[in-house]
Amino acid sequence: MATTTNQRRRQQQRLGLFWTMVMQAIVIYNEIRRHSRRLPRAPHRNWDSERQMTLTRLFGTSDRICHELLRMKMGSFHRLCDRLRTYGLVDSRSVLVEEQVAIFLNTVGHDQHYQAESFTFFRSSQIVSYCFHRVLHACLRLCRDVVINATIHNSPYEKENVKPWFTYFQVRGRNYFIIYFVKVQYSKVIFLLKVIFFLLKDVVGVIDGTHITTNVPLEEQAKYCNRKQVISQNVLVVCTFDIKFTYVLAS
């Protein structure tokens, strides 16, 4: 009786060991199939090193590259970064001030989207947007001390080497102007020029409007559609005759 019980126990142990080996074989077979169908992974790249190389090429190698990409030379770029630090722009946990300013200047200077800047600087679109707005707010605080509206008393034409306003105007249709000058009496032309000079002698700038294309939500596009059926924003601009903007008003 005891012998029969021992035989049954050995038989059950052998049967359990057999099914355990079968289950292990099935698991190993499935793992092999899953790994054989998996696509090869891309090689690992050190994005921090790639980003540092890009920033070094931007504002650390030559003035030509820095001017072409950031619209200013390396010395001006570093002075701008130091100046913006005094207006509240600080290093974040992973992005230095120089990289933030480079993102801002490259976006504005080349009219780039956040996705393009994300590819260039190896950052996410959220980080690019965050850096852009931080630099923008610092520049807005800076402009209060830098930009001064021109008046009669601080006119830039009192300075040396600044051309007066009438030197920037060109006569269109020169042949027509000569024929008109011959037909009209010389005294009348002189009188007309004197009147023009008298009216414009204290002019400190010119004002004009322009339309700049923009992206707005679909429900608001109707009020941004201009007469050429283009979604744009009307902007009023004032500049001096030495081609410096002194005032911008966006609608």
C-alpha atoms as a PDB file:
ATOM      1  CA  MET A   1       0.000   0.000   0.000  1.00  0.00           C
ATOM      2  CA  ALA A   2       2.821   2.392   0.911  1.00  0.00           C
ATOM      3  CA  THR A   3       4.666   1.436  -2.262  1.00  0.00           C
ATOM      4  CA  THR A   4       1.667   2.351  -4.440  1.00  0.00           C
ATOM      5  CA  THR A   5       1.332   5.739  -2.714  1.00  0.00           C
ATOM      6  CA  ASN A   6       5.010   6.542  -3.273  1.00  0.00           C
ATOM      7  CA  GLN A   7       4.734   5.599  -6.945  1.00  0.00           C
ATOM      8  CA  ARG A   8       1.737   7.861  -7.413  1.00  0.00           C
ATOM      9  CA  ARG A   9       3.580  10.728  -5.671  1.00  0.00           C
ATOM     10  CA  ARG A  10       6.634  10.317  -7.937  1.00  0.00           C
ATOM     11  CA  GLN A  11       4.387  10.149 -10.989  1.00  0.00           C
ATOM     12  CA  GLN A  12       2.660  13.425 -10.007  1.00  0.00           C
ATOM     13  CA  GLN A  13       6.021  15.118  -9.398  1.00  0.00           C
ATOM     14  CA  ARG A  14       7.268  14.016 -12.796  1.00  0.00           C
ATOM     15  CA  LEU A  15       4.051  15.213 -14.433  1.00  0.00           C
ATOM     16  CA  GLY A  16       4.279  18.608 -12.712  1.00  0.00           C
ATOM     17  CA  LEU A  17       7.937  18.971 -13.721  1.00  0.00           C
ATOM     18  CA  PHE A  18       7.029  18.121 -17.309  1.00  0.00           C
ATOM     19  CA  TRP A  19       4.284  20.766 -17.546  1.00  0.00           C
ATOM     20  CA  THR A  20       6.574  23.329 -15.895  1.00  0.00           C
ATOM     21  CA  MET A  21       9.189  22.739 -18.565  1.00  0.00           C
ATOM     22  CA  VAL A  22       6.507  22.993 -21.279  1.00  0.00           C
ATOM     23  CA  MET A  23       5.303  26.383 -19.932  1.00  0.00           C
ATOM     24  CA  GLN A  24       8.865  27.676 -19.740  1.00  0.00           C
ATOM     25  CA  ALA A  25       9.487  26.604 -23.330  1.00  0.00           C
ATOM     26  CA  ILE A  26       6.338  28.445 -24.477  1.00  0.00           C
ATOM     27  CA  VAL A  27       7.403  31.632 -22.674  1.00  0.00           C
ATOM     28  CA  ILE A  28      10.894  31.491 -24.178  1.00  0.00           C
ATOM     29  CA  TYR A  29       9.458  30.876 -27.651  1.00  0.00           C
ATOM     30  CA  ASN A  30       7.117  33.900 -27.369  1.00  0.00           C
ATOM     31  CA  GLU A  31       9.976  36.142 -26.193  1.00  0.00           C
ATOM     32  CA  ILE A  32      12.108  35.060 -29.123  1.00  0.00           C
ATOM     33  CA  ARG A  33       9.293  35.818 -31.593  1.00  0.00           C
ATOM     34  CA  ARG A  34       8.569  39.210 -29.983  1.00  0.00           C
ATOM     35  CA  HIS A  35      12.215  40.284 -30.150  1.00  0.00           C
ATOM     36  CA  SER A  36      12.602  39.091 -33.728  1.00  0.00           C
ATOM     37  CA  ARG A  37       9.651  41.288 -34.866  1.00  0.00           C
ATOM     38  CA  ARG A  38      10.775  44.411 -32.950  1.00  0.00           C
ATOM     39  CA  LEU A  39      12.174  47.245 -35.068  1.00  0.00           C
ATOM     40  CA  PRO A  40      15.801  48.151 -34.423  1.00  0.00           C
ATOM     41  CA  ARG A  41      16.166  51.069 -32.054  1.00  0.00           C
ATOM     42  CA  ALA A  42      17.920  54.248 -33.141  1.00  0.00           C
ATOM     43  CA  PRO A  43      21.375  54.775 -31.707  1.00  0.00           C
ATOM     44  CA  HIS A  44      21.468  56.866 -28.576  1.00  0.00           C
ATOM     45  CA  ARG A  45      22.501  60.501 -29.033  1.00  0.00           C
ATOM     46  CA  ASN A  46      23.617  62.972 -26.423  1.00  0.00           C
ATOM     47  CA  TRP A  47      21.214  65.855 -27.085  1.00  0.00           C
ATOM     48  CA  ASP A  48      22.896  68.103 -24.522  1.00  0.00           C
ATOM     49  CA  SER A  49      26.174  67.819 -26.396  1.00  0.00           C
ATOM     50  CA  GLU A  50      24.448  68.455 -29.727  1.00  0.00           C
ATOM     51  CA  ARG A  51      22.708  71.529 -28.316  1.00  0.00           C
ATOM     52  CA  GLN A  52      25.936  72.914 -26.884  1.00  0.00           C
ATOM     53  CA  MET A  53      27.661  72.515 -30.241  1.00  0.00           C
ATOM     54  CA  THR A  54      24.813  74.382 -31.949  1.00  0.00           C
ATOM     55  CA  LEU A  55      24.954  77.252 -29.458  1.00  0.00           C
ATOM     56  CA  THR A  56      28.730  77.456 -29.802  1.00  0.00           C
ATOM     57  CA  ARG A  57      28.397  77.778 -33.569  1.00  0.00           C
ATOM     58  CA  LEU A  58      25.680  80.433 -33.178  1.00  0.00           C
ATOM     59  CA  PHE A  59      27.424  82.950 -30.936  1.00  0.00           C
ATOM     60  CA  GLY A  60      30.837  81.525 -30.152  1.00  0.00           C
ATOM     61  CA  THR A  61      32.721  81.016 -33.411  1.00  0.00           C
ATOM     62  CA  SER A  62      32.567  84.027 -35.745  1.00  0.00           C
ATOM     63  CA  ASP A  63      30.802  87.350 -36.111  1.00  0.00           C
ATOM     64  CA  ARG A  64      29.650  86.425 -39.611  1.00  0.00           C
ATOM     65  CA  ILE A  65      27.642  83.379 -38.500  1.00  0.00           C
ATOM     66  CA  CYS A  66      26.268  85.218 -35.485  1.00  0.00           C
ATOM     67  CA  HIS A  67      25.189  88.169 -37.630  1.00  0.00           C
ATOM     68  CA  GLU A  68      23.578  85.971 -40.278  1.00  0.00           C
ATOM     69  CA  LEU A  69      21.579  83.902 -37.804  1.00  0.00           C
ATOM     70  CA  LEU A  70      20.970  86.274 -34.875  1.00  0.00           C
ATOM     71  CA  ARG A  71      21.159  89.617 -36.744  1.00  0.00           C
ATOM     72  CA  MET A  72      23.939  90.962 -34.514  1.00  0.00           C
ATOM     73  CA  LYS A  73      27.601  90.344 -33.804  1.00  0.00           C
ATOM     74  CA  MET A  74      28.904  88.342 -30.871  1.00  0.00           C
ATOM     75  CA  GLY A  75      29.883  91.363 -28.802  1.00  0.00           C
ATOM     76  CA  SER A  76      26.470  92.974 -29.232  1.00  0.00           C
ATOM     77  CA  PHE A  77      24.788  89.665 -28.427  1.00  0.00           C
ATOM     78  CA  HIS A  78      26.606  89.214 -25.125  1.00  0.00           C
ATOM     79  CA  ARG A  79      26.018  92.852 -24.158  1.00  0.00           C
ATOM     80  CA  LEU A  80      22.312  92.398 -24.861  1.00  0.00           C
ATOM     81  CA  CYS A  81      22.223  89.290 -22.650  1.00  0.00           C
ATOM     82  CA  ASP A  82      23.949  91.169 -19.819  1.00  0.00           C
ATOM     83  CA  ARG A  83      21.532  94.074 -20.218  1.00  0.00           C
ATOM     84  CA  LEU A  84      18.460  91.822 -20.174  1.00  0.00           C
ATOM     85  CA  ARG A  85      19.714  90.194 -16.976  1.00  0.00           C
ATOM     86  CA  THR A  86      19.327  93.559 -15.266  1.00  0.00           C
ATOM     87  CA  TYR A  87      15.694  93.641 -16.405  1.00  0.00           C
ATOM     88  CA  GLY A  88      14.638  90.378 -14.819  1.00  0.00           C
ATOM     89  CA  LEU A  89      15.755  87.734 -17.318  1.00  0.00           C
ATOM     90  CA  VAL A  90      17.435  84.901 -15.396  1.00  0.00           C
ATOM     91  CA  ASP A  91      18.679  81.393 -16.089  1.00  0.00           C
ATOM     92  CA  SER A  92      16.079  78.684 -15.742  1.00  0.00           C
ATOM     93  CA  ARG A  93      16.792  75.225 -14.425  1.00  0.00           C
ATOM     94  CA  SER A  94      18.005  73.923 -17.785  1.00  0.00           C
ATOM     95  CA  VAL A  95      18.157  76.931 -20.155  1.00  0.00           C
ATOM     96  CA  LEU A  96      20.710  79.725 -19.841  1.00  0.00           C
ATOM     97  CA  VAL A  97      19.970  83.340 -20.704  1.00  0.00           C
ATOM     98  CA  GLU A  98      22.176  83.167 -23.810  1.00  0.00           C
ATOM     99  CA  GLU A  99      20.163  80.257 -25.190  1.00  0.00           C
ATOM    100  CA  GLN A 100      16.865  82.021 -24.427  1.00  0.00           C
ATOM    101  CA  VAL A 101      17.984  85.174 -26.244  1.00  0.00           C
ATOM    102  CA  ALA A 102      19.296  83.104 -29.169  1.00  0.00           C
ATOM    103  CA  ILE A 103      15.921  81.373 -29.486  1.00  0.00           C
ATOM    104  CA  PHE A 104      14.146  84.738 -29.428  1.00  0.00           C
ATOM    105  CA  LEU A 105      16.432  86.410 -31.984  1.00  0.00           C
ATOM    106  CA  ASN A 106      16.404  83.447 -34.355  1.00  0.00           C
ATOM    107  CA  THR A 107      12.596  83.264 -34.194  1.00  0.00           C
ATOM    108  CA  VAL A 108      12.089  86.980 -34.805  1.00  0.00           C
ATOM    109  CA  GLY A 109      14.901  87.454 -37.301  1.00  0.00           C
ATOM    110  CA  HIS A 110      13.839  84.598 -39.594  1.00  0.00           C
ATOM    111  CA  ASP A 111      10.089  84.417 -38.876  1.00  0.00           C
ATOM    112  CA  GLN A 112      10.386  80.837 -37.643  1.00  0.00           C
ATOM    113  CA  HIS A 113       7.715  78.693 -36.004  1.00  0.00           C
ATOM    114  CA  TYR A 114       8.193  77.066 -32.621  1.00  0.00           C
ATOM    115  CA  GLN A 115       8.464  73.649 -34.279  1.00  0.00           C
ATOM    116  CA  ALA A 116      11.421  74.801 -36.389  1.00  0.00           C
ATOM    117  CA  GLU A 117      13.141  76.297 -33.347  1.00  0.00           C
ATOM    118  CA  SER A 118      12.452  73.099 -31.433  1.00  0.00           C
ATOM    119  CA  PHE A 119      14.325  71.158 -34.117  1.00  0.00           C
ATOM    120  CA  THR A 120      17.205  73.665 -34.229  1.00  0.00           C
ATOM    121  CA  PHE A 121      17.822  73.898 -30.478  1.00  0.00           C
ATOM    122  CA  PHE A 122      16.839  70.315 -29.536  1.00  0.00           C
ATOM    123  CA  ARG A 123      14.104  71.554 -27.211  1.00  0.00           C
ATOM    124  CA  SER A 124      10.397  70.906 -26.950  1.00  0.00           C
ATOM    125  CA  SER A 125       7.930  73.425 -28.387  1.00  0.00           C
ATOM    126  CA  GLN A 126       6.733  74.256 -24.870  1.00  0.00           C
ATOM    127  CA  ILE A 127      10.237  75.217 -23.737  1.00  0.00           C
ATOM    128  CA  VAL A 128      10.784  77.295 -26.896  1.00  0.00           C
ATOM    129  CA  SER A 129       7.525  79.169 -26.322  1.00  0.00           C
ATOM    130  CA  TYR A 130       8.361  79.702 -22.658  1.00  0.00           C
ATOM    131  CA  CYS A 131      11.829  81.124 -23.473  1.00  0.00           C
ATOM    132  CA  PHE A 132      10.457  83.330 -26.247  1.00  0.00           C
ATOM    133  CA  HIS A 133       7.884  84.992 -23.999  1.00  0.00           C
ATOM    134  CA  ARG A 134      10.370  85.466 -21.153  1.00  0.00           C
ATOM    135  CA  VAL A 135      12.767  87.338 -23.425  1.00  0.00           C
ATOM    136  CA  LEU A 136       9.874  89.284 -24.961  1.00  0.00           C
ATOM    137  CA  HIS A 137       8.729  90.533 -21.554  1.00  0.00           C
ATOM    138  CA  ALA A 138      12.302  91.514 -20.664  1.00  0.00           C
ATOM    139  CA  CYS A 139      12.592  93.457 -23.940  1.00  0.00           C
ATOM    140  CA  LEU A 140       9.326  95.256 -23.195  1.00  0.00           C
ATOM    141  CA  ARG A 141      10.752  96.362 -19.849  1.00  0.00           C
ATOM    142  CA  LEU A 142      13.969  97.401 -21.577  1.00  0.00           C
ATOM    143  CA  CYS A 143      12.222  99.525 -24.203  1.00  0.00           C
ATOM    144  CA  ARG A 144      10.813 101.859 -21.544  1.00  0.00           C
ATOM    145  CA  ASP A 145      14.339 103.112 -20.882  1.00  0.00           C
ATOM    146  CA  VAL A 146      15.733 102.844 -24.407  1.00  0.00           C
ATOM    147  CA  VAL A 147      12.990 103.994 -26.796  1.00  0.00           C
ATOM    148  CA  ILE A 148      12.198 107.730 -26.580  1.00  0.00           C
ATOM    149  CA  ASN A 149       9.582 109.338 -28.806  1.00  0.00           C
ATOM    150  CA  ALA A 150      11.085 112.039 -30.994  1.00  0.00           C
ATOM    151  CA  THR A 151       9.973 115.628 -30.433  1.00  0.00           C
ATOM    152  CA  ILE A 152      11.085 119.008 -31.688  1.00  0.00           C
ATOM    153  CA  HIS A 153      13.438 119.396 -28.730  1.00  0.00           C
ATOM    154  CA  ASN A 154      15.144 116.001 -29.015  1.00  0.00           C
ATOM    155  CA  SER A 155      15.058 115.767 -32.797  1.00  0.00           C
ATOM    156  CA  PRO A 156      17.798 113.469 -34.133  1.00  0.00           C
ATOM    157  CA  TYR A 157      18.597 115.948 -36.909  1.00  0.00           C
ATOM    158  CA  GLU A 158      20.399 118.206 -34.482  1.00  0.00           C
ATOM    159  CA  LYS A 159      23.066 115.537 -34.224  1.00  0.00           C
ATOM    160  CA  GLU A 160      26.026 115.303 -36.540  1.00  0.00           C
ATOM    161  CA  ASN A 161      26.095 113.061 -39.616  1.00  0.00           C
ATOM    162  CA  VAL A 162      22.298 112.784 -39.783  1.00  0.00           C
ATOM    163  CA  LYS A 163      20.713 113.705 -43.102  1.00  0.00           C
ATOM    164  CA  PRO A 164      17.707 116.063 -43.088  1.00  0.00           C
ATOM    165  CA  TRP A 165      14.315 114.757 -44.018  1.00  0.00           C
ATOM    166  CA  PHE A 166      14.253 116.063 -47.609  1.00  0.00           C
ATOM    167  CA  THR A 167      17.313 114.035 -48.611  1.00  0.00           C
ATOM    168  CA  TYR A 168      15.271 110.816 -48.312  1.00  0.00           C
ATOM    169  CA  PHE A 169      12.724 111.880 -50.951  1.00  0.00           C
ATOM    170  CA  GLN A 170      13.286 111.006 -54.600  1.00  0.00           C
ATOM    171  CA  VAL A 171      11.706 112.645 -57.635  1.00  0.00           C
ATOM    172  CA  ARG A 172       9.840 110.084 -59.716  1.00  0.00           C
ATOM    173  CA  GLY A 173       9.489 110.707 -63.424  1.00  0.00           C
ATOM    174  CA  ARG A 174      12.503 112.965 -63.856  1.00  0.00           C
ATOM    175  CA  ASN A 175      11.664 113.927 -67.474  1.00  0.00           C
ATOM    176  CA  TYR A 176       8.176 115.019 -66.493  1.00  0.00           C
ATOM    177  CA  PHE A 177       9.606 117.062 -63.624  1.00  0.00           C
ATOM    178  CA  ILE A 178      12.056 118.868 -65.967  1.00  0.00           C
ATOM    179  CA  ILE A 179       9.303 119.710 -68.490  1.00  0.00           C
ATOM    180  CA  TYR A 180       7.086 120.981 -65.690  1.00  0.00           C
ATOM    181  CA  PHE A 181       9.941 123.066 -64.278  1.00  0.00           C
ATOM    182  CA  VAL A 182      10.545 124.701 -67.687  1.00  0.00           C
ATOM    183  CA  LYS A 183       6.888 125.535 -68.293  1.00  0.00           C
ATOM    184  CA  VAL A 184       6.245 126.995 -64.839  1.00  0.00           C
ATOM    185  CA  GLN A 185       7.880 130.222 -63.830  1.00  0.00           C
ATOM    186  CA  TYR A 186      10.965 129.853 -61.711  1.00  0.00           C
ATOM    187  CA  SER A 187       9.664 132.160 -58.970  1.00  0.00           C
ATOM    188  CA  LYS A 188       6.562 130.034 -58.445  1.00  0.00           C
ATOM    189  CA  VAL A 189       8.667 126.920 -57.952  1.00  0.00           C
ATOM    190  CA  ILE A 190      10.877 128.702 -55.436  1.00  0.00           C
ATOM    191  CA  PHE A 191       7.826 129.946 -53.563  1.00  0.00           C
ATOM    192  CA  LEU A 192       6.353 126.430 -53.478  1.00  0.00           C
ATOM    193  CA  LEU A 193       9.600 124.980 -52.129  1.00  0.00           C
ATOM    194  CA  LYS A 194       9.762 127.650 -49.444  1.00  0.00           C
ATOM    195  CA  VAL A 195       6.222 126.785 -48.337  1.00  0.00           C
ATOM    196  CA  ILE A 196       7.097 123.099 -48.157  1.00  0.00           C
ATOM    197  CA  PHE A 197      10.228 123.759 -46.140  1.00  0.00           C
ATOM    198  CA  PHE A 198       8.321 126.052 -43.789  1.00  0.00           C
ATOM    199  CA  LEU A 199       5.620 123.448 -43.139  1.00  0.00           C
ATOM    200  CA  LEU A 200       8.028 120.545 -42.698  1.00  0.00           C
ATOM    201  CA  LYS A 201      10.995 122.189 -41.001  1.00  0.00           C
ATOM    202  CA  ASP A 202      10.046 120.802 -37.561  1.00  0.00           C
ATOM    203  CA  VAL A 203       9.025 117.339 -38.754  1.00  0.00           C
ATOM    204  CA  VAL A 204      10.653 114.646 -36.621  1.00  0.00           C
ATOM    205  CA  GLY A 205       9.305 111.498 -38.293  1.00  0.00           C
ATOM    206  CA  VAL A 206       6.805 109.859 -40.571  1.00  0.00           C
ATOM    207  CA  ILE A 207       3.751 107.744 -39.814  1.00  0.00           C
ATOM    208  CA  ASP A 208       2.157 104.985 -41.864  1.00  0.00           C
ATOM    209  CA  GLY A 209       0.198 101.793 -41.522  1.00  0.00           C
ATOM    210  CA  THR A 210       0.849  98.292 -42.759  1.00  0.00           C
ATOM    211  CA  HIS A 211      -0.764  94.868 -42.672  1.00  0.00           C
ATOM    212  CA  ILE A 212       1.149  91.947 -41.179  1.00  0.00           C
ATOM    213  CA  THR A 213      -0.062  88.404 -41.734  1.00  0.00           C
ATOM    214  CA  THR A 214      -1.134  86.602 -38.578  1.00  0.00           C
ATOM    215  CA  ASN A 215      -2.658  83.354 -37.336  1.00  0.00           C
ATOM    216  CA  VAL A 216      -5.926  83.642 -35.411  1.00  0.00           C
ATOM    217  CA  PRO A 217      -8.619  81.134 -34.377  1.00  0.00           C
ATOM    218  CA  LEU A 218     -11.222  80.257 -36.987  1.00  0.00           C
ATOM    219  CA  GLU A 219     -14.055  82.019 -35.180  1.00  0.00           C
ATOM    220  CA  GLU A 220     -12.111  85.330 -35.162  1.00  0.00           C
ATOM    221  CA  GLN A 221     -10.807  85.316 -38.730  1.00  0.00           C
ATOM    222  CA  ALA A 222     -13.687  87.412 -40.088  1.00  0.00           C
ATOM    223  CA  LYS A 223     -12.587  90.602 -38.320  1.00  0.00           C
ATOM    224  CA  TYR A 224      -8.944  90.079 -39.368  1.00  0.00           C
ATOM    225  CA  CYS A 225      -9.701  89.621 -43.078  1.00  0.00           C
ATOM    226  CA  ASN A 226      -8.474  92.610 -45.125  1.00  0.00           C
ATOM    227  CA  ARG A 227      -9.606  93.815 -48.539  1.00  0.00           C
ATOM    228  CA  LYS A 228      -7.250  91.356 -50.247  1.00  0.00           C
ATOM    229  CA  GLN A 229      -8.860  88.415 -48.431  1.00  0.00           C
ATOM    230  CA  VAL A 230      -5.731  87.851 -46.336  1.00  0.00           C
ATOM    231  CA  ILE A 231      -5.795  87.270 -42.589  1.00  0.00           C
ATOM    232  CA  SER A 232      -3.646  90.121 -41.288  1.00  0.00           C
ATOM    233  CA  GLN A 233      -3.265  92.602 -38.449  1.00  0.00           C
ATOM    234  CA  ASN A 234      -3.290  96.346 -39.027  1.00  0.00           C
ATOM    235  CA  VAL A 235      -0.233  98.013 -37.490  1.00  0.00           C
ATOM    236  CA  LEU A 236       0.510 101.731 -37.141  1.00  0.00           C
ATOM    237  CA  VAL A 237       4.228 102.585 -37.274  1.00  0.00           C
ATOM    238  CA  VAL A 238       6.173 105.795 -36.663  1.00  0.00           C
ATOM    239  CA  CYS A 239       9.825 106.143 -37.624  1.00  0.00           C
ATOM    240  CA  THR A 240      12.406 108.892 -37.897  1.00  0.00           C
ATOM    241  CA  PHE A 241      14.187 109.867 -41.092  1.00  0.00           C
ATOM    242  CA  ASP A 242      17.286 107.957 -40.064  1.00  0.00           C
ATOM    243  CA  ILE A 243      15.215 104.751 -40.321  1.00  0.00           C
ATOM    244  CA  LYS A 244      14.605 104.158 -36.618  1.00  0.00           C
ATOM    245  CA  PHE A 245      11.214 103.057 -35.298  1.00  0.00           C
ATOM    246  CA  THR A 246       9.964 105.140 -32.386  1.00  0.00           C
ATOM    247  CA  TYR A 247       6.374 103.922 -31.997  1.00  0.00           C
ATOM    248  CA  VAL A 248       4.344 100.849 -32.977  1.00  0.00           C
ATOM    249  CA  LEU A 249       0.628 100.377 -32.345  1.00  0.00           C
ATOM    250  CA  ALA A 250      -0.943  97.005 -33.142  1.00  0.00           C
ATOM    251  CA  SER A 251      -4.699  96.873 -33.604  1.00  0.00           C
END
